[in-house]
Amino acid sequence: MLDKIVLSMATLRIISGSLELCAALLMLRFNEVNKALLINSSLALVGPLILISTTAIGLVGVADKISYGKMLWITAGIACLMIGILKK
């Protein structure tokens, strides 16, 4: 039997991957740089949201098993990732 937390995380990743494939197909269908750039920009918003969501679900799943200090380090690491991803 699958763990509900793992199933939720995997489902979000499957949805994310499906969106990526659909976006690639739309880019090919429209065959225009302007529209492909617009589609790609939309994906740039989805990626970080999926990352935050899956990480949050995972943290909820392990929250009772790790110390507050480790939770703080994980949160700091996620913050560094987000700063690195979103800074231009």
PDB file of N, CA and C in Angstrom:
ATOM      1  N   MET A   1       0.846  -1.190   0.000  1.00  0.00           N
ATOM      2  CA  MET A   1       0.000   0.000   0.000  1.00  0.00           C
ATOM      3  C   MET A   1       0.889   1.251   0.000  1.00  0.00           C
ATOM      4  N   LEU A   2       0.528   2.218  -0.804  1.00  0.00           N
ATOM      5  CA  LEU A   2       1.308   3.442  -0.923  1.00  0.00           C
ATOM      6  C   LEU A   2       1.005   4.402   0.216  1.00  0.00           C
ATOM      7  N   ASP A   3       2.040   5.097   0.650  1.00  0.00           N
ATOM      8  CA  ASP A   3       1.897   6.144   1.648  1.00  0.00           C
ATOM      9  C   ASP A   3       1.171   7.328   1.003  1.00  0.00           C
ATOM     10  N   LYS A   4       0.225   7.932   1.722  1.00  0.00           N
ATOM     11  CA  LYS A   4      -0.557   9.043   1.171  1.00  0.00           C
ATOM     12  C   LYS A   4       0.319  10.241   0.836  1.00  0.00           C
ATOM     13  N   ILE A   5       1.322  10.487   1.664  1.00  0.00           N
ATOM     14  CA  ILE A   5       2.223  11.618   1.429  1.00  0.00           C
ATOM     15  C   ILE A   5       3.006  11.392   0.133  1.00  0.00           C
ATOM     16  N   VAL A   6       3.571  10.203  -0.019  1.00  0.00           N
ATOM     17  CA  VAL A   6       4.339   9.883  -1.227  1.00  0.00           C
ATOM     18  C   VAL A   6       3.435   9.937  -2.459  1.00  0.00           C
ATOM     19  N   LEU A   7       2.238   9.417  -2.343  1.00  0.00           N
ATOM     20  CA  LEU A   7       1.293   9.447  -3.454  1.00  0.00           C
ATOM     21  C   LEU A   7       0.964  10.891  -3.853  1.00  0.00           C
ATOM     22  N   SER A   8       0.765  11.764  -2.871  1.00  0.00           N
ATOM     23  CA  SER A   8       0.477  13.179  -3.154  1.00  0.00           C
ATOM     24  C   SER A   8       1.655  13.846  -3.854  1.00  0.00           C
ATOM     25  N   MET A   9       2.861  13.587  -3.358  1.00  0.00           N
ATOM     26  CA  MET A   9       4.053  14.181  -3.969  1.00  0.00           C
ATOM     27  C   MET A   9       4.228  13.685  -5.404  1.00  0.00           C
ATOM     28  N   ALA A  10       4.057  12.395  -5.612  1.00  0.00           N
ATOM     29  CA  ALA A  10       4.206  11.825  -6.950  1.00  0.00           C
ATOM     30  C   ALA A  10       3.134  12.355  -7.897  1.00  0.00           C
ATOM     31  N   THR A  11       1.924  12.515  -7.405  1.00  0.00           N
ATOM     32  CA  THR A  11       0.838  13.034  -8.238  1.00  0.00           C
ATOM     33  C   THR A  11       1.142  14.454  -8.704  1.00  0.00           C
ATOM     34  N   LEU A  12       1.654  15.283  -7.795  1.00  0.00           N
ATOM     35  CA  LEU A  12       2.020  16.646  -8.192  1.00  0.00           C
ATOM     36  C   LEU A  12       3.109  16.639  -9.256  1.00  0.00           C
ATOM     37  N   ARG A  13       4.075  15.747  -9.116  1.00  0.00           N
ATOM     38  CA  ARG A  13       5.155  15.660 -10.101  1.00  0.00           C
ATOM     39  C   ARG A  13       4.645  15.134 -11.441  1.00  0.00           C
ATOM     40  N   ILE A  14       3.700  14.221 -11.422  1.00  0.00           N
ATOM     41  CA  ILE A  14       3.105  13.724 -12.670  1.00  0.00           C
ATOM     42  C   ILE A  14       2.344  14.847 -13.365  1.00  0.00           C
ATOM     43  N   ILE A  15       1.601  15.615 -12.593  1.00  0.00           N
ATOM     44  CA  ILE A  15       0.875  16.766 -13.162  1.00  0.00           C
ATOM     45  C   ILE A  15       1.860  17.763 -13.756  1.00  0.00           C
ATOM     46  N   SER A  16       2.935  18.025 -13.033  1.00  0.00           N
ATOM     47  CA  SER A  16       3.952  18.959 -13.516  1.00  0.00           C
ATOM     48  C   SER A  16       4.580  18.467 -14.819  1.00  0.00           C
ATOM     49  N   GLY A  17       4.922  17.202 -14.862  1.00  0.00           N
ATOM     50  CA  GLY A  17       5.501  16.641 -16.081  1.00  0.00           C
ATOM     51  C   GLY A  17       4.535  16.684 -17.250  1.00  0.00           C
ATOM     52  N   SER A  18       3.270  16.427 -16.968  1.00  0.00           N
ATOM     53  CA  SER A  18       2.249  16.483 -18.023  1.00  0.00           C
ATOM     54  C   SER A  18       2.115  17.901 -18.567  1.00  0.00           C
ATOM     55  N   LEU A  19       2.168  18.883 -17.681  1.00  0.00           N
ATOM     56  CA  LEU A  19       2.111  20.279 -18.123  1.00  0.00           C
ATOM     57  C   LEU A  19       3.307  20.620 -19.008  1.00  0.00           C
ATOM     58  N   GLU A  20       4.484  20.117 -18.643  1.00  0.00           N
ATOM     59  CA  GLU A  20       5.691  20.358 -19.439  1.00  0.00           C
ATOM     60  C   GLU A  20       5.531  19.765 -20.842  1.00  0.00           C
ATOM     61  N   LEU A  21       5.032  18.525 -20.912  1.00  0.00           N
ATOM     62  CA  LEU A  21       4.834  17.892 -22.219  1.00  0.00           C
ATOM     63  C   LEU A  21       3.794  18.634 -23.057  1.00  0.00           C
ATOM     64  N   CYS A  22       2.707  19.025 -22.429  1.00  0.00           N
ATOM     65  CA  CYS A  22       1.669  19.779 -23.152  1.00  0.00           C
ATOM     66  C   CYS A  22       2.221  21.105 -23.664  1.00  0.00           C
ATOM     67  N   ALA A  23       3.024  21.763 -22.842  1.00  0.00           N
ATOM     68  CA  ALA A  23       3.607  23.034 -23.259  1.00  0.00           C
ATOM     69  C   ALA A  23       4.536  22.833 -24.459  1.00  0.00           C
ATOM     70  N   ALA A  24       5.335  21.780 -24.430  1.00  0.00           N
ATOM     71  CA  ALA A  24       6.229  21.504 -25.558  1.00  0.00           C
ATOM     72  C   ALA A  24       5.427  21.242 -26.835  1.00  0.00           C
ATOM     73  N   LEU A  25       4.345  20.492 -26.716  1.00  0.00           N
ATOM     74  CA  LEU A  25       3.504  20.217 -27.881  1.00  0.00           C
ATOM     75  C   LEU A  25       2.845  21.494 -28.404  1.00  0.00           C
ATOM     76  N   LEU A  26       2.420  22.368 -27.486  1.00  0.00           N
ATOM     77  CA  LEU A  26       1.832  23.643 -27.918  1.00  0.00           C
ATOM     78  C   LEU A  26       2.858  24.504 -28.650  1.00  0.00           C
ATOM     79  N   MET A  27       4.094  24.499 -28.144  1.00  0.00           N
ATOM     80  CA  MET A  27       5.146  25.259 -28.817  1.00  0.00           C
ATOM     81  C   MET A  27       5.338  24.762 -30.252  1.00  0.00           C
ATOM     82  N   LEU A  28       5.344  23.454 -30.404  1.00  0.00           N
ATOM     83  CA  LEU A  28       5.501  22.880 -31.744  1.00  0.00           C
ATOM     84  C   LEU A  28       4.299  23.197 -32.627  1.00  0.00           C
ATOM     85  N   ARG A  29       3.124  23.154 -32.040  1.00  0.00           N
ATOM     86  CA  ARG A  29       1.902  23.409 -32.826  1.00  0.00           C
ATOM     87  C   ARG A  29       1.849  24.851 -33.318  1.00  0.00           C
ATOM     88  N   PHE A  30       2.144  25.804 -32.424  1.00  0.00           N
ATOM     89  CA  PHE A  30       2.074  27.209 -32.824  1.00  0.00           C
ATOM     90  C   PHE A  30       3.240  27.602 -33.734  1.00  0.00           C
ATOM     91  N   ASN A  31       4.398  27.016 -33.519  1.00  0.00           N
ATOM     92  CA  ASN A  31       5.564  27.217 -34.380  1.00  0.00           C
ATOM     93  C   ASN A  31       5.924  28.688 -34.549  1.00  0.00           C
ATOM     94  N   GLU A  32       5.777  29.458 -33.467  1.00  0.00           N
ATOM     95  CA  GLU A  32       6.136  30.876 -33.475  1.00  0.00           C
ATOM     96  C   GLU A  32       6.947  31.165 -32.221  1.00  0.00           C
ATOM     97  N   VAL A  33       8.017  31.912 -32.396  1.00  0.00           N
ATOM     98  CA  VAL A  33       8.899  32.204 -31.266  1.00  0.00           C
ATOM     99  C   VAL A  33       8.168  32.987 -30.179  1.00  0.00           C
ATOM    100  N   ASN A  34       7.353  33.944 -30.568  1.00  0.00           N
ATOM    101  CA  ASN A  34       6.632  34.778 -29.586  1.00  0.00           C
ATOM    102  C   ASN A  34       5.743  33.920 -28.692  1.00  0.00           C
ATOM    103  N   LYS A  35       4.993  33.039 -29.312  1.00  0.00           N
ATOM    104  CA  LYS A  35       4.075  32.196 -28.547  1.00  0.00           C
ATOM    105  C   LYS A  35       4.838  31.159 -27.733  1.00  0.00           C
ATOM    106  N   ALA A  36       5.913  30.632 -28.281  1.00  0.00           N
ATOM    107  CA  ALA A  36       6.723  29.668 -27.536  1.00  0.00           C
ATOM    108  C   ALA A  36       7.329  30.321 -26.298  1.00  0.00           C
ATOM    109  N   LEU A  37       7.759  31.558 -26.431  1.00  0.00           N
ATOM    110  CA  LEU A  37       8.317  32.284 -25.287  1.00  0.00           C
ATOM    111  C   LEU A  37       7.255  32.542 -24.223  1.00  0.00           C
ATOM    112  N   LEU A  38       6.058  32.863 -24.643  1.00  0.00           N
ATOM    113  CA  LEU A  38       4.948  33.067 -23.713  1.00  0.00           C
ATOM    114  C   LEU A  38       4.621  31.781 -22.957  1.00  0.00           C
ATOM    115  N   ILE A  39       4.579  30.673 -23.658  1.00  0.00           N
ATOM    116  CA  ILE A  39       4.302  29.374 -23.039  1.00  0.00           C
ATOM    117  C   ILE A  39       5.413  29.026 -22.054  1.00  0.00           C
ATOM    118  N   ASN A  40       6.656  29.248 -22.462  1.00  0.00           N
ATOM    119  CA  ASN A  40       7.793  28.956 -21.601  1.00  0.00           C
ATOM    120  C   ASN A  40       7.770  29.817 -20.340  1.00  0.00           C
ATOM    121  N   SER A  41       7.380  31.067 -20.475  1.00  0.00           N
ATOM    122  CA  SER A  41       7.284  31.961 -19.320  1.00  0.00           C
ATOM    123  C   SER A  41       6.226  31.474 -18.337  1.00  0.00           C
ATOM    124  N   SER A  42       5.152  30.941 -18.864  1.00  0.00           N
ATOM    125  CA  SER A  42       4.101  30.402 -17.995  1.00  0.00           C
ATOM    126  C   SER A  42       4.623  29.226 -17.180  1.00  0.00           C
ATOM    127  N   LEU A  43       5.464  28.405 -17.797  1.00  0.00           N
ATOM    128  CA  LEU A  43       6.041  27.268 -17.084  1.00  0.00           C
ATOM    129  C   LEU A  43       6.984  27.711 -15.976  1.00  0.00           C
ATOM    130  N   ALA A  44       7.608  28.868 -16.162  1.00  0.00           N
ATOM    131  CA  ALA A  44       8.521  29.379 -15.146  1.00  0.00           C
ATOM    132  C   ALA A  44       7.779  29.694 -13.849  1.00  0.00           C
ATOM    133  N   LEU A  45       6.500  29.947 -13.930  1.00  0.00           N
ATOM    134  CA  LEU A  45       5.699  30.182 -12.731  1.00  0.00           C
ATOM    135  C   LEU A  45       5.275  28.876 -12.071  1.00  0.00           C
ATOM    136  N   VAL A  46       5.000  27.878 -12.883  1.00  0.00           N
ATOM    137  CA  VAL A  46       4.502  26.603 -12.375  1.00  0.00           C
ATOM    138  C   VAL A  46       5.585  25.815 -11.645  1.00  0.00           C
ATOM    139  N   GLY A  47       6.801  25.815 -12.176  1.00  0.00           N
ATOM    140  CA  GLY A  47       7.894  25.025 -11.613  1.00  0.00           C
ATOM    141  C   GLY A  47       8.154  25.284 -10.132  1.00  0.00           C
ATOM    142  N   PRO A  48       8.370  26.540  -9.746  1.00  0.00           N
ATOM    143  CA  PRO A  48       8.600  26.819  -8.329  1.00  0.00           C
ATOM    144  C   PRO A  48       7.404  26.477  -7.428  1.00  0.00           C
ATOM    145  N   LEU A  49       6.202  26.647  -7.951  1.00  0.00           N
ATOM    146  CA  LEU A  49       5.017  26.301  -7.155  1.00  0.00           C
ATOM    147  C   LEU A  49       4.957  24.799  -6.885  1.00  0.00           C
ATOM    148  N   ILE A  50       5.299  24.004  -7.881  1.00  0.00           N
ATOM    149  CA  ILE A  50       5.327  22.551  -7.703  1.00  0.00           C
ATOM    150  C   ILE A  50       6.426  22.179  -6.713  1.00  0.00           C
ATOM    151  N   LEU A  51       7.594  22.811  -6.835  1.00  0.00           N
ATOM    152  CA  LEU A  51       8.700  22.547  -5.911  1.00  0.00           C
ATOM    153  C   LEU A  51       8.287  22.841  -4.469  1.00  0.00           C
ATOM    154  N   ILE A  52       7.698  23.984  -4.256  1.00  0.00           N
ATOM    155  CA  ILE A  52       7.278  24.367  -2.899  1.00  0.00           C
ATOM    156  C   ILE A  52       6.200  23.418  -2.389  1.00  0.00           C
ATOM    157  N   SER A  53       5.250  23.083  -3.232  1.00  0.00           N
ATOM    158  CA  SER A  53       4.150  22.212  -2.816  1.00  0.00           C
ATOM    159  C   SER A  53       4.622  20.816  -2.445  1.00  0.00           C
ATOM    160  N   THR A  54       5.448  20.213  -3.312  1.00  0.00           N
ATOM    161  CA  THR A  54       5.915  18.856  -3.007  1.00  0.00           C
ATOM    162  C   THR A  54       6.810  18.842  -1.776  1.00  0.00           C
ATOM    163  N   THR A  55       7.632  19.859  -1.617  1.00  0.00           N
ATOM    164  CA  THR A  55       8.488  19.938  -0.436  1.00  0.00           C
ATOM    165  C   THR A  55       7.660  20.126   0.822  1.00  0.00           C
ATOM    166  N   ALA A  56       6.649  20.975   0.745  1.00  0.00           N
ATOM    167  CA  ALA A  56       5.785  21.197   1.911  1.00  0.00           C
ATOM    168  C   ALA A  56       5.064  19.916   2.315  1.00  0.00           C
ATOM    169  N   ILE A  57       4.561  19.193   1.334  1.00  0.00           N
ATOM    170  CA  ILE A  57       3.880  17.925   1.630  1.00  0.00           C
ATOM    171  C   ILE A  57       4.857  16.941   2.268  1.00  0.00           C
ATOM    172  N   GLY A  58       6.065  16.865   1.716  1.00  0.00           N
ATOM    173  CA  GLY A  58       7.080  15.979   2.280  1.00  0.00           C
ATOM    174  C   GLY A  58       7.454  16.358   3.697  1.00  0.00           C
ATOM    175  N   LEU A  59       7.581  17.652   3.964  1.00  0.00           N
ATOM    176  CA  LEU A  59       7.914  18.108   5.316  1.00  0.00           C
ATOM    177  C   LEU A  59       6.810  17.785   6.315  1.00  0.00           C
ATOM    178  N   VAL A  60       5.579  17.897   5.865  1.00  0.00           N
ATOM    179  CA  VAL A  60       4.459  17.517   6.741  1.00  0.00           C
ATOM    180  C   VAL A  60       4.560  16.032   7.091  1.00  0.00           C
ATOM    181  N   GLY A  61       4.969  15.241   6.114  1.00  0.00           N
ATOM    182  CA  GLY A  61       5.079  13.804   6.331  1.00  0.00           C
ATOM    183  C   GLY A  61       6.177  13.410   7.298  1.00  0.00           C
ATOM    184  N   VAL A  62       7.254  14.199   7.355  1.00  0.00           N
ATOM    185  CA  VAL A  62       8.371  13.854   8.243  1.00  0.00           C
ATOM    186  C   VAL A  62       8.470  14.766   9.464  1.00  0.00           C
ATOM    187  N   ALA A  63       7.537  15.677   9.618  1.00  0.00           N
ATOM    188  CA  ALA A  63       7.616  16.678  10.688  1.00  0.00           C
ATOM    189  C   ALA A  63       7.713  16.049  12.073  1.00  0.00           C
ATOM    190  N   ASP A  64       7.045  14.949  12.294  1.00  0.00           N
ATOM    191  CA  ASP A  64       7.075  14.337  13.619  1.00  0.00           C
ATOM    192  C   ASP A  64       8.321  13.474  13.828  1.00  0.00           C
ATOM    193  N   LYS A  65       9.121  13.279  12.776  1.00  0.00           N
ATOM    194  CA  LYS A  65      10.286  12.396  12.858  1.00  0.00           C
ATOM    195  C   LYS A  65      11.612  13.142  12.937  1.00  0.00           C
ATOM    196  N   ILE A  66      11.613  14.465  12.666  1.00  0.00           N
ATOM    197  CA  ILE A  66      12.871  15.205  12.715  1.00  0.00           C
ATOM    198  C   ILE A  66      12.782  16.350  13.716  1.00  0.00           C
ATOM    199  N   SER A  67      13.940  16.808  14.158  1.00  0.00           N
ATOM    200  CA  SER A  67      13.990  17.866  15.166  1.00  0.00           C
ATOM    201  C   SER A  67      13.686  19.226  14.535  1.00  0.00           C
ATOM    202  N   TYR A  68      13.415  20.197  15.400  1.00  0.00           N
ATOM    203  CA  TYR A  68      13.141  21.550  14.918  1.00  0.00           C
ATOM    204  C   TYR A  68      14.374  22.152  14.252  1.00  0.00           C
ATOM    205  N   GLY A  69      15.555  21.803  14.751  1.00  0.00           N
ATOM    206  CA  GLY A  69      16.790  22.303  14.155  1.00  0.00           C
ATOM    207  C   GLY A  69      16.962  21.829  12.721  1.00  0.00           C
ATOM    208  N   LYS A  70      16.699  20.560  12.487  1.00  0.00           N
ATOM    209  CA  LYS A  70      16.804  20.030  11.129  1.00  0.00           C
ATOM    210  C   LYS A  70      15.728  20.634  10.228  1.00  0.00           C
ATOM    211  N   MET A  71      14.552  20.844  10.778  1.00  0.00           N
ATOM    212  CA  MET A  71      13.469  21.467  10.011  1.00  0.00           C
ATOM    213  C   MET A  71      13.880  22.881   9.593  1.00  0.00           C
ATOM    214  N   LEU A  72      14.555  23.594  10.485  1.00  0.00           N
ATOM    215  CA  LEU A  72      15.031  24.941  10.178  1.00  0.00           C
ATOM    216  C   LEU A  72      16.066  24.906   9.053  1.00  0.00           C
ATOM    217  N   TRP A  73      16.979  23.936   9.102  1.00  0.00           N
ATOM    218  CA  TRP A  73      17.983  23.802   8.039  1.00  0.00           C
ATOM    219  C   TRP A  73      17.329  23.487   6.696  1.00  0.00           C
ATOM    220  N   ILE A  74      16.336  22.633   6.704  1.00  0.00           N
ATOM    221  CA  ILE A  74      15.628  22.293   5.462  1.00  0.00           C
ATOM    222  C   ILE A  74      14.932  23.529   4.906  1.00  0.00           C
ATOM    223  N   THR A  75      14.281  24.278   5.777  1.00  0.00           N
ATOM    224  CA  THR A  75      13.594  25.498   5.356  1.00  0.00           C
ATOM    225  C   THR A  75      14.583  26.511   4.785  1.00  0.00           C
ATOM    226  N   ALA A  76      15.741  26.646   5.425  1.00  0.00           N
ATOM    227  CA  ALA A  76      16.777  27.565   4.934  1.00  0.00           C
ATOM    228  C   ALA A  76      17.274  27.114   3.562  1.00  0.00           C
ATOM    229  N   GLY A  77      17.434  25.817   3.375  1.00  0.00           N
ATOM    230  CA  GLY A  77      17.870  25.292   2.082  1.00  0.00           C
ATOM    231  C   GLY A  77      16.864  25.572   0.988  1.00  0.00           C
ATOM    232  N   ILE A  78      15.596  25.410   1.297  1.00  0.00           N
ATOM    233  CA  ILE A  78      14.541  25.684   0.314  1.00  0.00           C
ATOM    234  C   ILE A  78      14.529  27.174  -0.034  1.00  0.00           C
ATOM    235  N   ALA A  79      14.716  28.007   0.990  1.00  0.00           N
ATOM    236  CA  ALA A  79      14.757  29.455   0.748  1.00  0.00           C
ATOM    237  C   ALA A  79      15.922  29.814  -0.179  1.00  0.00           C
ATOM    238  N   CYS A  80      17.088  29.178   0.043  1.00  0.00           N
ATOM    239  CA  CYS A  80      18.245  29.432  -0.832  1.00  0.00           C
ATOM    240  C   CYS A  80      17.963  28.985  -2.260  1.00  0.00           C
ATOM    241  N   LEU A  81      17.319  27.831  -2.417  1.00  0.00           N
ATOM    242  CA  LEU A  81      16.946  27.364  -3.754  1.00  0.00           C
ATOM    243  C   LEU A  81      16.032  28.354  -4.456  1.00  0.00           C
ATOM    244  N   MET A  82      15.028  28.822  -3.729  1.00  0.00           N
ATOM    245  CA  MET A  82      14.068  29.748  -4.336  1.00  0.00           C
ATOM    246  C   MET A  82      14.733  31.066  -4.706  1.00  0.00           C
ATOM    247  N   ILE A  83      15.621  31.566  -3.855  1.00  0.00           N
ATOM    248  CA  ILE A  83      16.329  32.799  -4.176  1.00  0.00           C
ATOM    249  C   ILE A  83      17.176  32.598  -5.428  1.00  0.00           C
ATOM    250  N   GLY A  84      17.859  31.463  -5.506  1.00  0.00           N
ATOM    251  CA  GLY A  84      18.680  31.161  -6.673  1.00  0.00           C
ATOM    252  C   GLY A  84      17.876  31.006  -7.943  1.00  0.00           C
ATOM    253  N   ILE A  85      16.704  30.427  -7.843  1.00  0.00           N
ATOM    254  CA  ILE A  85      15.864  30.210  -9.014  1.00  0.00           C
ATOM    255  C   ILE A  85      15.230  31.510  -9.487  1.00  0.00           C
ATOM    256  N   LEU A  86      14.745  32.298  -8.552  1.00  0.00           N
ATOM    257  CA  LEU A  86      13.963  33.483  -8.921  1.00  0.00           C
ATOM    258  C   LEU A  86      14.796  34.740  -9.162  1.00  0.00           C
ATOM    259  N   LYS A  87      16.036  34.779  -8.697  1.00  0.00           N
ATOM    260  CA  LYS A  87      16.905  35.955  -8.945  1.00  0.00           C
ATOM    261  C   LYS A  87      17.357  35.943 -10.389  1.00  0.00           C
ATOM    262  N   LYS A  88      17.452  37.130 -10.958  1.00  0.00           N
ATOM    263  CA  LYS A  88      17.887  37.233 -12.356  1.00  0.00           C
ATOM    264  C   LYS A  88      19.229  37.908 -12.414  1.00  0.00           C
TER     265      LYS A  88
END
